[in-house]
Amino acid sequence: FVLFLSGGPTAALCYDRAAEQASVEWAMVDIYMGDERFVPADDPAANQRLVREHLVERVGDVGSFTPMATDGGDPDACAASYDAVLRALVHGPGIDLIHLGFGPDGHTASLFADAPSLEVTDAFAMATEDPSGRNPHARLSVTYPVIDSARTAVFTVIGTEKHEAIARLKDGADLPAGRVAAHQIRWLLDQAAF
Protein backbone atom coordinates (compact mmCIF):
# COMPACT_ATOMS: atom_id res chain seq x y z
CA PHE A 1 0.00 0.00 0.00
CA VAL A 2 1.53 3.30 -1.09
CA LEU A 3 0.72 6.19 1.24
CA PHE A 4 1.69 9.85 0.86
CA LEU A 5 1.60 12.06 3.94
CA SER A 6 1.65 15.76 4.73
CA GLY A 7 2.59 17.88 7.72
CA GLY A 8 0.92 20.27 10.11
CA PRO A 9 -0.98 20.01 13.39
CA THR A 10 -4.09 18.41 11.86
CA ALA A 11 -1.91 15.79 10.19
CA ALA A 12 -0.23 15.04 13.54
CA LEU A 13 -3.64 14.33 15.08
CA CYS A 14 -4.53 12.06 12.16
CA TYR A 15 -1.28 10.12 12.43
CA ASP A 16 -1.70 9.71 16.19
CA ARG A 17 -5.08 8.08 15.52
CA ALA A 18 -3.71 5.96 12.69
CA ALA A 19 -0.92 4.68 14.94
CA GLU A 20 -3.58 3.39 17.36
CA GLN A 21 -5.21 1.18 14.70
CA ALA A 22 -4.09 -2.34 15.51
CA SER A 23 -5.74 -3.74 12.38
CA VAL A 24 -3.31 -1.98 10.00
CA GLU A 25 -0.43 -4.14 8.78
CA TRP A 26 2.12 -1.32 8.72
CA ALA A 27 4.83 -3.63 7.33
CA MET A 28 2.80 -3.59 4.09
CA VAL A 29 2.70 0.23 3.89
CA ASP A 30 5.30 2.28 1.99
CA ILE A 31 5.24 5.93 3.11
CA TYR A 32 6.30 8.94 1.04
CA MET A 33 5.97 12.69 1.58
CA GLY A 34 3.81 15.09 -0.39
CA ASP A 35 5.82 18.13 0.60
CA GLU A 36 8.60 19.27 2.89
CA ARG A 37 10.04 22.45 4.28
CA PHE A 38 13.67 22.89 3.24
CA VAL A 39 15.04 22.44 6.75
CA PRO A 40 17.15 19.66 8.33
CA ALA A 41 15.33 16.36 8.86
CA ASP A 42 15.35 16.78 12.65
CA ASP A 43 14.17 20.41 12.61
CA PRO A 44 10.89 20.97 14.50
CA ALA A 45 9.39 22.41 11.28
CA ALA A 46 10.22 19.31 9.19
CA ASN A 47 7.21 17.34 7.99
CA GLN A 48 9.28 14.15 7.95
CA ARG A 49 10.07 14.62 11.65
CA LEU A 50 6.35 14.95 12.36
CA VAL A 51 5.61 11.75 10.43
CA ARG A 52 8.41 9.89 12.21
CA GLU A 53 7.30 11.02 15.68
CA HIS A 54 3.55 10.64 15.26
CA LEU A 55 3.42 7.51 13.11
CA VAL A 56 6.57 5.67 12.00
CA GLU A 57 8.27 5.42 15.41
CA ARG A 58 4.99 4.57 17.11
CA VAL A 59 4.01 1.70 14.82
CA GLY A 60 7.51 0.33 14.44
CA ASP A 61 7.96 -1.71 11.30
CA VAL A 62 6.60 0.06 8.21
CA GLY A 63 7.28 -1.28 4.73
CA SER A 64 9.46 1.74 3.98
CA PHE A 65 9.67 5.46 4.67
CA THR A 66 11.07 7.63 1.89
CA PRO A 67 11.15 11.30 2.93
CA MET A 68 12.26 14.16 0.73
CA ALA A 69 15.97 14.82 1.23
CA THR A 70 16.70 18.34 2.44
CA ASP A 71 20.39 17.98 3.23
CA GLY A 72 21.80 18.50 -0.26
CA GLY A 73 22.15 22.27 0.05
CA ASP A 74 20.33 22.86 -3.23
CA PRO A 75 16.52 22.66 -3.22
CA ASP A 76 16.36 22.09 -6.99
CA ALA A 77 18.78 19.14 -6.80
CA CYS A 78 16.82 17.63 -3.90
CA ALA A 79 13.57 18.04 -5.83
CA ALA A 80 15.12 16.40 -8.91
CA SER A 81 16.22 13.43 -6.79
CA TYR A 82 12.70 12.95 -5.40
CA ASP A 83 11.24 13.46 -8.87
CA ALA A 84 13.10 10.32 -10.02
CA VAL A 85 11.66 8.35 -7.08
CA LEU A 86 8.15 9.59 -7.88
CA ARG A 87 8.37 8.76 -11.58
CA ALA A 88 9.24 5.14 -10.80
CA LEU A 89 6.41 5.01 -8.28
CA VAL A 90 3.69 6.67 -10.37
CA HIS A 91 4.59 4.64 -13.47
CA GLY A 92 4.94 1.50 -11.33
CA PRO A 93 2.65 0.49 -8.48
CA GLY A 94 0.96 3.89 -8.24
CA ILE A 95 -0.29 5.78 -5.21
CA ASP A 96 -3.12 4.31 -3.16
CA LEU A 97 -3.78 7.26 -0.83
CA ILE A 98 -2.48 10.78 -0.46
CA HIS A 99 -3.30 12.67 2.72
CA LEU A 100 -3.53 16.41 2.17
CA GLY A 101 -3.94 19.41 4.41
CA PHE A 102 -5.65 22.68 3.60
CA GLY A 103 -4.15 26.01 4.58
CA PRO A 104 -6.15 29.10 5.56
CA ASP A 105 -5.12 30.52 2.17
CA GLY A 106 -6.38 27.43 0.30
CA HIS A 107 -2.97 25.85 -0.37
CA THR A 108 -2.36 22.12 -0.23
CA ALA A 109 0.96 20.29 -0.17
CA SER A 110 3.24 23.25 -0.91
CA LEU A 111 1.18 24.40 -3.87
CA PHE A 112 0.51 28.05 -3.10
CA ALA A 113 -1.71 30.59 -4.84
CA ASP A 114 0.08 32.50 -7.61
CA ALA A 115 3.11 30.18 -7.46
CA PRO A 116 4.60 28.84 -10.71
CA SER A 117 4.23 25.31 -9.28
CA LEU A 118 0.47 25.45 -9.96
CA GLU A 119 1.06 25.23 -13.70
CA VAL A 120 3.77 22.55 -13.72
CA THR A 121 2.83 19.42 -15.65
CA ASP A 122 6.24 18.01 -16.64
CA ALA A 123 7.81 17.60 -13.19
CA PHE A 124 6.69 15.36 -10.35
CA ALA A 125 8.57 17.22 -7.60
CA MET A 126 9.88 20.75 -7.47
CA ALA A 127 11.38 23.40 -5.23
CA THR A 128 8.93 26.19 -4.47
CA GLU A 129 8.10 29.04 -2.09
CA ASP A 130 4.96 30.86 -1.02
CA PRO A 131 4.84 34.06 -3.11
CA SER A 132 2.80 35.78 -0.38
CA GLY A 133 5.47 35.10 2.26
CA ARG A 134 2.85 33.86 4.76
CA ASN A 135 4.36 30.36 4.84
CA PRO A 136 8.05 30.47 5.72
CA HIS A 137 10.89 28.31 4.38
CA ALA A 138 11.71 27.21 0.89
CA ARG A 139 9.75 24.04 0.14
CA LEU A 140 9.81 20.84 -1.85
CA SER A 141 6.46 19.67 -3.17
CA VAL A 142 4.87 17.08 -5.37
CA THR A 143 2.94 18.55 -8.27
CA TYR A 144 -0.62 18.00 -9.46
CA PRO A 145 0.34 15.13 -11.80
CA VAL A 146 1.44 13.15 -8.73
CA ILE A 147 -1.55 14.08 -6.58
CA ASP A 148 -3.98 13.46 -9.41
CA SER A 149 -2.52 10.01 -10.06
CA ALA A 150 -3.55 8.85 -6.57
CA ARG A 151 -6.43 6.43 -6.30
CA THR A 152 -7.75 8.47 -3.35
CA ALA A 153 -6.93 11.92 -1.99
CA VAL A 154 -8.15 12.78 1.51
CA PHE A 155 -8.20 16.32 2.85
CA THR A 156 -8.49 16.78 6.62
CA VAL A 157 -9.48 20.27 7.69
CA ILE A 158 -10.20 21.56 11.19
CA GLY A 159 -10.59 24.93 12.85
CA THR A 160 -12.30 28.27 12.39
CA GLU A 161 -9.20 29.69 10.66
CA LYS A 162 -10.03 27.43 7.69
CA HIS A 163 -13.73 28.39 7.47
CA GLU A 164 -13.31 31.38 5.15
CA ALA A 165 -11.16 29.46 2.67
CA ILE A 166 -13.61 26.51 2.70
CA ALA A 167 -16.46 28.94 2.01
CA ARG A 168 -14.50 30.44 -0.89
CA LEU A 169 -13.80 26.96 -2.24
CA LYS A 170 -17.50 26.04 -2.06
CA ASP A 171 -18.28 29.27 -3.93
CA GLY A 172 -16.00 28.20 -6.77
CA ALA A 173 -12.87 30.25 -6.02
CA ASP A 174 -9.74 29.04 -7.81
CA LEU A 175 -7.76 27.87 -4.80
CA PRO A 176 -4.83 25.43 -5.11
CA ALA A 177 -6.64 22.69 -3.15
CA GLY A 178 -9.64 23.00 -5.46
CA ARG A 179 -7.51 22.03 -8.46
CA VAL A 180 -6.87 18.51 -7.13
CA ALA A 181 -8.37 15.93 -9.51
CA ALA A 182 -7.44 12.53 -8.01
CA HIS A 183 -9.64 9.54 -8.89
CA GLN A 184 -11.53 9.83 -5.58
CA ILE A 185 -11.45 12.88 -3.33
CA ARG A 186 -12.69 12.90 0.25
CA TRP A 187 -13.02 16.00 2.41
CA LEU A 188 -13.11 15.49 6.18
CA LEU A 189 -14.02 18.75 7.93
CA ASP A 190 -14.96 19.57 11.47
CA GLN A 191 -17.93 21.84 12.17
CA ALA A 192 -15.71 24.90 12.78
CA ALA A 193 -14.11 24.64 9.34
CA PHE A 194 -17.37 23.85 7.56
C-alpha atoms as a PDB file:
ATOM      1  CA  PHE A   1       0.000   0.000   0.000  1.00  0.00           C
ATOM      2  CA  VAL A   2       1.532   3.305  -1.091  1.00  0.00           C
ATOM      3  CA  LEU A   3       0.717   6.194   1.242  1.00  0.00           C
ATOM      4  CA  PHE A   4       1.688   9.851   0.856  1.00  0.00           C
ATOM      5  CA  LEU A   5       1.597  12.062   3.943  1.00  0.00           C
ATOM      6  CA  SER A   6       1.646  15.759   4.727  1.00  0.00           C
ATOM      7  CA  GLY A   7       2.592  17.878   7.723  1.00  0.00           C
ATOM      8  CA  GLY A   8       0.917  20.267  10.112  1.00  0.00           C
ATOM      9  CA  PRO A   9      -0.985  20.015  13.392  1.00  0.00           C
ATOM     10  CA  THR A  10      -4.090  18.410  11.861  1.00  0.00           C
ATOM     11  CA  ALA A  11      -1.906  15.787  10.195  1.00  0.00           C
ATOM     12  CA  ALA A  12      -0.227  15.042  13.542  1.00  0.00           C
ATOM     13  CA  LEU A  13      -3.642  14.327  15.085  1.00  0.00           C
ATOM     14  CA  CYS A  14      -4.532  12.057  12.165  1.00  0.00           C
ATOM     15  CA  TYR A  15      -1.276  10.115  12.431  1.00  0.00           C
ATOM     16  CA  ASP A  16      -1.699   9.706  16.188  1.00  0.00           C
ATOM     17  CA  ARG A  17      -5.083   8.077  15.518  1.00  0.00           C
ATOM     18  CA  ALA A  18      -3.710   5.965  12.685  1.00  0.00           C
ATOM     19  CA  ALA A  19      -0.920   4.676  14.940  1.00  0.00           C
ATOM     20  CA  GLU A  20      -3.575   3.386  17.363  1.00  0.00           C
ATOM     21  CA  GLN A  21      -5.211   1.184  14.705  1.00  0.00           C
ATOM     22  CA  ALA A  22      -4.091  -2.344  15.511  1.00  0.00           C
ATOM     23  CA  SER A  23      -5.741  -3.745  12.378  1.00  0.00           C
ATOM     24  CA  VAL A  24      -3.310  -1.977  10.000  1.00  0.00           C
ATOM     25  CA  GLU A  25      -0.431  -4.137   8.779  1.00  0.00           C
ATOM     26  CA  TRP A  26       2.119  -1.323   8.715  1.00  0.00           C
ATOM     27  CA  ALA A  27       4.828  -3.633   7.330  1.00  0.00           C
ATOM     28  CA  MET A  28       2.804  -3.590   4.090  1.00  0.00           C
ATOM     29  CA  VAL A  29       2.700   0.228   3.891  1.00  0.00           C
ATOM     30  CA  ASP A  30       5.295   2.285   1.995  1.00  0.00           C
ATOM     31  CA  ILE A  31       5.244   5.929   3.108  1.00  0.00           C
ATOM     32  CA  TYR A  32       6.303   8.944   1.041  1.00  0.00           C
ATOM     33  CA  MET A  33       5.972  12.687   1.579  1.00  0.00           C
ATOM     34  CA  GLY A  34       3.807  15.089  -0.391  1.00  0.00           C
ATOM     35  CA  ASP A  35       5.820  18.134   0.603  1.00  0.00           C
ATOM     36  CA  GLU A  36       8.598  19.270   2.893  1.00  0.00           C
ATOM     37  CA  ARG A  37      10.040  22.450   4.285  1.00  0.00           C
ATOM     38  CA  PHE A  38      13.667  22.885   3.240  1.00  0.00           C
ATOM     39  CA  VAL A  39      15.037  22.443   6.748  1.00  0.00           C
ATOM     40  CA  PRO A  40      17.151  19.662   8.326  1.00  0.00           C
ATOM     41  CA  ALA A  41      15.327  16.360   8.857  1.00  0.00           C
ATOM     42  CA  ASP A  42      15.351  16.780  12.647  1.00  0.00           C
ATOM     43  CA  ASP A  43      14.171  20.412  12.606  1.00  0.00           C
ATOM     44  CA  PRO A  44      10.885  20.969  14.505  1.00  0.00           C
ATOM     45  CA  ALA A  45       9.388  22.413  11.284  1.00  0.00           C
ATOM     46  CA  ALA A  46      10.225  19.305   9.195  1.00  0.00           C
ATOM     47  CA  ASN A  47       7.210  17.338   7.990  1.00  0.00           C
ATOM     48  CA  GLN A  48       9.278  14.152   7.953  1.00  0.00           C
ATOM     49  CA  ARG A  49      10.066  14.625  11.646  1.00  0.00           C
ATOM     50  CA  LEU A  50       6.348  14.954  12.365  1.00  0.00           C
ATOM     51  CA  VAL A  51       5.615  11.750  10.425  1.00  0.00           C
ATOM     52  CA  ARG A  52       8.410   9.892  12.209  1.00  0.00           C
ATOM     53  CA  GLU A  53       7.302  11.018  15.678  1.00  0.00           C
ATOM     54  CA  HIS A  54       3.555  10.637  15.257  1.00  0.00           C
ATOM     55  CA  LEU A  55       3.422   7.514  13.108  1.00  0.00           C
ATOM     56  CA  VAL A  56       6.574   5.672  11.996  1.00  0.00           C
ATOM     57  CA  GLU A  57       8.268   5.423  15.405  1.00  0.00           C
ATOM     58  CA  ARG A  58       4.987   4.566  17.105  1.00  0.00           C
ATOM     59  CA  VAL A  59       4.006   1.702  14.821  1.00  0.00           C
ATOM     60  CA  GLY A  60       7.507   0.326  14.439  1.00  0.00           C
ATOM     61  CA  ASP A  61       7.960  -1.709  11.303  1.00  0.00           C
ATOM     62  CA  VAL A  62       6.601   0.061   8.211  1.00  0.00           C
ATOM     63  CA  GLY A  63       7.281  -1.276   4.733  1.00  0.00           C
ATOM     64  CA  SER A  64       9.457   1.743   3.982  1.00  0.00           C
ATOM     65  CA  PHE A  65       9.670   5.457   4.670  1.00  0.00           C
ATOM     66  CA  THR A  66      11.073   7.634   1.886  1.00  0.00           C
ATOM     67  CA  PRO A  67      11.155  11.299   2.932  1.00  0.00           C
ATOM     68  CA  MET A  68      12.256  14.162   0.725  1.00  0.00           C
ATOM     69  CA  ALA A  69      15.972  14.820   1.232  1.00  0.00           C
ATOM     70  CA  THR A  70      16.704  18.337   2.438  1.00  0.00           C
ATOM     71  CA  ASP A  71      20.395  17.979   3.230  1.00  0.00           C
ATOM     72  CA  GLY A  72      21.804  18.505  -0.257  1.00  0.00           C
ATOM     73  CA  GLY A  73      22.149  22.268   0.052  1.00  0.00           C
ATOM     74  CA  ASP A  74      20.334  22.862  -3.234  1.00  0.00           C
ATOM     75  CA  PRO A  75      16.519  22.656  -3.222  1.00  0.00           C
ATOM     76  CA  ASP A  76      16.355  22.091  -6.991  1.00  0.00           C
ATOM     77  CA  ALA A  77      18.784  19.144  -6.800  1.00  0.00           C
ATOM     78  CA  CYS A  78      16.821  17.629  -3.899  1.00  0.00           C
ATOM     79  CA  ALA A  79      13.571  18.043  -5.834  1.00  0.00           C
ATOM     80  CA  ALA A  80      15.123  16.403  -8.910  1.00  0.00           C
ATOM     81  CA  SER A  81      16.220  13.434  -6.792  1.00  0.00           C
ATOM     82  CA  TYR A  82      12.696  12.950  -5.402  1.00  0.00           C
ATOM     83  CA  ASP A  83      11.242  13.463  -8.866  1.00  0.00           C
ATOM     84  CA  ALA A  84      13.101  10.320 -10.025  1.00  0.00           C
ATOM     85  CA  VAL A  85      11.657   8.349  -7.078  1.00  0.00           C
ATOM     86  CA  LEU A  86       8.152   9.590  -7.881  1.00  0.00           C
ATOM     87  CA  ARG A  87       8.372   8.763 -11.581  1.00  0.00           C
ATOM     88  CA  ALA A  88       9.238   5.139 -10.796  1.00  0.00           C
ATOM     89  CA  LEU A  89       6.414   5.010  -8.276  1.00  0.00           C
ATOM     90  CA  VAL A  90       3.689   6.672 -10.367  1.00  0.00           C
ATOM     91  CA  HIS A  91       4.588   4.637 -13.469  1.00  0.00           C
ATOM     92  CA  GLY A  92       4.945   1.503 -11.332  1.00  0.00           C
ATOM     93  CA  PRO A  93       2.646   0.489  -8.479  1.00  0.00           C
ATOM     94  CA  GLY A  94       0.965   3.887  -8.244  1.00  0.00           C
ATOM     95  CA  ILE A  95      -0.293   5.778  -5.208  1.00  0.00           C
ATOM     96  CA  ASP A  96      -3.124   4.312  -3.157  1.00  0.00           C
ATOM     97  CA  LEU A  97      -3.781   7.260  -0.831  1.00  0.00           C
ATOM     98  CA  ILE A  98      -2.476  10.776  -0.456  1.00  0.00           C
ATOM     99  CA  HIS A  99      -3.305  12.672   2.724  1.00  0.00           C
ATOM    100  CA  LEU A 100      -3.525  16.414   2.175  1.00  0.00           C
ATOM    101  CA  GLY A 101      -3.943  19.407   4.408  1.00  0.00           C
ATOM    102  CA  PHE A 102      -5.645  22.675   3.596  1.00  0.00           C
ATOM    103  CA  GLY A 103      -4.149  26.008   4.583  1.00  0.00           C
ATOM    104  CA  PRO A 104      -6.151  29.103   5.558  1.00  0.00           C
ATOM    105  CA  ASP A 105      -5.115  30.517   2.166  1.00  0.00           C
ATOM    106  CA  GLY A 106      -6.378  27.426   0.297  1.00  0.00           C
ATOM    107  CA  HIS A 107      -2.971  25.845  -0.367  1.00  0.00           C
ATOM    108  CA  THR A 108      -2.362  22.116  -0.233  1.00  0.00           C
ATOM    109  CA  ALA A 109       0.963  20.285  -0.172  1.00  0.00           C
ATOM    110  CA  SER A 110       3.238  23.254  -0.910  1.00  0.00           C
ATOM    111  CA  LEU A 111       1.183  24.400  -3.871  1.00  0.00           C
ATOM    112  CA  PHE A 112       0.506  28.046  -3.104  1.00  0.00           C
ATOM    113  CA  ALA A 113      -1.711  30.585  -4.839  1.00  0.00           C
ATOM    114  CA  ASP A 114       0.076  32.496  -7.607  1.00  0.00           C
ATOM    115  CA  ALA A 115       3.113  30.185  -7.461  1.00  0.00           C
ATOM    116  CA  PRO A 116       4.595  28.838 -10.713  1.00  0.00           C
ATOM    117  CA  SER A 117       4.227  25.307  -9.283  1.00  0.00           C
ATOM    118  CA  LEU A 118       0.465  25.453  -9.959  1.00  0.00           C
ATOM    119  CA  GLU A 119       1.061  25.234 -13.704  1.00  0.00           C
ATOM    120  CA  VAL A 120       3.774  22.547 -13.717  1.00  0.00           C
ATOM    121  CA  THR A 121       2.826  19.418 -15.654  1.00  0.00           C
ATOM    122  CA  ASP A 122       6.240  18.012 -16.642  1.00  0.00           C
ATOM    123  CA  ALA A 123       7.809  17.602 -13.190  1.00  0.00           C
ATOM    124  CA  PHE A 124       6.693  15.357 -10.347  1.00  0.00           C
ATOM    125  CA  ALA A 125       8.575  17.220  -7.596  1.00  0.00           C
ATOM    126  CA  MET A 126       9.878  20.745  -7.469  1.00  0.00           C
ATOM    127  CA  ALA A 127      11.380  23.403  -5.235  1.00  0.00           C
ATOM    128  CA  THR A 128       8.932  26.192  -4.472  1.00  0.00           C
ATOM    129  CA  GLU A 129       8.097  29.040  -2.094  1.00  0.00           C
ATOM    130  CA  ASP A 130       4.964  30.856  -1.016  1.00  0.00           C
ATOM    131  CA  PRO A 131       4.835  34.061  -3.113  1.00  0.00           C
ATOM    132  CA  SER A 132       2.804  35.776  -0.385  1.00  0.00           C
ATOM    133  CA  GLY A 133       5.468  35.103   2.255  1.00  0.00           C
ATOM    134  CA  ARG A 134       2.846  33.857   4.758  1.00  0.00           C
ATOM    135  CA  ASN A 135       4.355  30.362   4.835  1.00  0.00           C
ATOM    136  CA  PRO A 136       8.055  30.471   5.717  1.00  0.00           C
ATOM    137  CA  HIS A 137      10.887  28.312   4.380  1.00  0.00           C
ATOM    138  CA  ALA A 138      11.711  27.211   0.893  1.00  0.00           C
ATOM    139  CA  ARG A 139       9.751  24.038   0.143  1.00  0.00           C
ATOM    140  CA  LEU A 140       9.813  20.843  -1.848  1.00  0.00           C
ATOM    141  CA  SER A 141       6.461  19.673  -3.170  1.00  0.00           C
ATOM    142  CA  VAL A 142       4.871  17.083  -5.368  1.00  0.00           C
ATOM    143  CA  THR A 143       2.941  18.554  -8.274  1.00  0.00           C
ATOM    144  CA  TYR A 144      -0.622  18.002  -9.460  1.00  0.00           C
ATOM    145  CA  PRO A 145       0.343  15.133 -11.797  1.00  0.00           C
ATOM    146  CA  VAL A 146       1.445  13.149  -8.733  1.00  0.00           C
ATOM    147  CA  ILE A 147      -1.549  14.085  -6.580  1.00  0.00           C
ATOM    148  CA  ASP A 148      -3.983  13.457  -9.412  1.00  0.00           C
ATOM    149  CA  SER A 149      -2.517  10.009 -10.063  1.00  0.00           C
ATOM    150  CA  ALA A 150      -3.554   8.854  -6.574  1.00  0.00           C
ATOM    151  CA  ARG A 151      -6.435   6.427  -6.298  1.00  0.00           C
ATOM    152  CA  THR A 152      -7.750   8.466  -3.346  1.00  0.00           C
ATOM    153  CA  ALA A 153      -6.928  11.922  -1.986  1.00  0.00           C
ATOM    154  CA  VAL A 154      -8.149  12.775   1.507  1.00  0.00           C
ATOM    155  CA  PHE A 155      -8.204  16.323   2.854  1.00  0.00           C
ATOM    156  CA  THR A 156      -8.485  16.776   6.618  1.00  0.00           C
ATOM    157  CA  VAL A 157      -9.485  20.266   7.694  1.00  0.00           C
ATOM    158  CA  ILE A 158     -10.199  21.562  11.190  1.00  0.00           C
ATOM    159  CA  GLY A 159     -10.593  24.932  12.854  1.00  0.00           C
ATOM    160  CA  THR A 160     -12.297  28.271  12.389  1.00  0.00           C
ATOM    161  CA  GLU A 161      -9.202  29.690  10.662  1.00  0.00           C
ATOM    162  CA  LYS A 162     -10.028  27.432   7.689  1.00  0.00           C
ATOM    163  CA  HIS A 163     -13.726  28.390   7.470  1.00  0.00           C
ATOM    164  CA  GLU A 164     -13.312  31.376   5.154  1.00  0.00           C
ATOM    165  CA  ALA A 165     -11.157  29.458   2.668  1.00  0.00           C
ATOM    166  CA  ILE A 166     -13.607  26.511   2.696  1.00  0.00           C
ATOM    167  CA  ALA A 167     -16.463  28.940   2.009  1.00  0.00           C
ATOM    168  CA  ARG A 168     -14.500  30.440  -0.889  1.00  0.00           C
ATOM    169  CA  LEU A 169     -13.799  26.965  -2.242  1.00  0.00           C
ATOM    170  CA  LYS A 170     -17.497  26.037  -2.061  1.00  0.00           C
ATOM    171  CA  ASP A 171     -18.285  29.274  -3.928  1.00  0.00           C
ATOM    172  CA  GLY A 172     -15.998  28.202  -6.769  1.00  0.00           C
ATOM    173  CA  ALA A 173     -12.867  30.253  -6.017  1.00  0.00           C
ATOM    174  CA  ASP A 174      -9.745  29.036  -7.815  1.00  0.00           C
ATOM    175  CA  LEU A 175      -7.757  27.866  -4.801  1.00  0.00           C
ATOM    176  CA  PRO A 176      -4.829  25.433  -5.113  1.00  0.00           C
ATOM    177  CA  ALA A 177      -6.639  22.691  -3.150  1.00  0.00           C
ATOM    178  CA  GLY A 178      -9.636  23.000  -5.459  1.00  0.00           C
ATOM    179  CA  ARG A 179      -7.514  22.035  -8.461  1.00  0.00           C
ATOM    180  CA  VAL A 180      -6.871  18.509  -7.134  1.00  0.00           C
ATOM    181  CA  ALA A 181      -8.368  15.928  -9.507  1.00  0.00           C
ATOM    182  CA  ALA A 182      -7.441  12.535  -8.011  1.00  0.00           C
ATOM    183  CA  HIS A 183      -9.642   9.538  -8.892  1.00  0.00           C
ATOM    184  CA  GLN A 184     -11.533   9.830  -5.578  1.00  0.00           C
ATOM    185  CA  ILE A 185     -11.446  12.876  -3.334  1.00  0.00           C
ATOM    186  CA  ARG A 186     -12.694  12.902   0.248  1.00  0.00           C
ATOM    187  CA  TRP A 187     -13.023  16.004   2.410  1.00  0.00           C
ATOM    188  CA  LEU A 188     -13.112  15.486   6.183  1.00  0.00           C
ATOM    189  CA  LEU A 189     -14.024  18.747   7.928  1.00  0.00           C
ATOM    190  CA  ASP A 190     -14.956  19.569  11.472  1.00  0.00           C
ATOM    191  CA  GLN A 191     -17.931  21.841  12.175  1.00  0.00           C
ATOM    192  CA  ALA A 192     -15.714  24.896  12.776  1.00  0.00           C
ATOM    193  CA  ALA A 193     -14.110  24.640   9.342  1.00  0.00           C
ATOM    194  CA  PHE A 194     -17.374  23.846   7.563  1.00  0.00           C
END
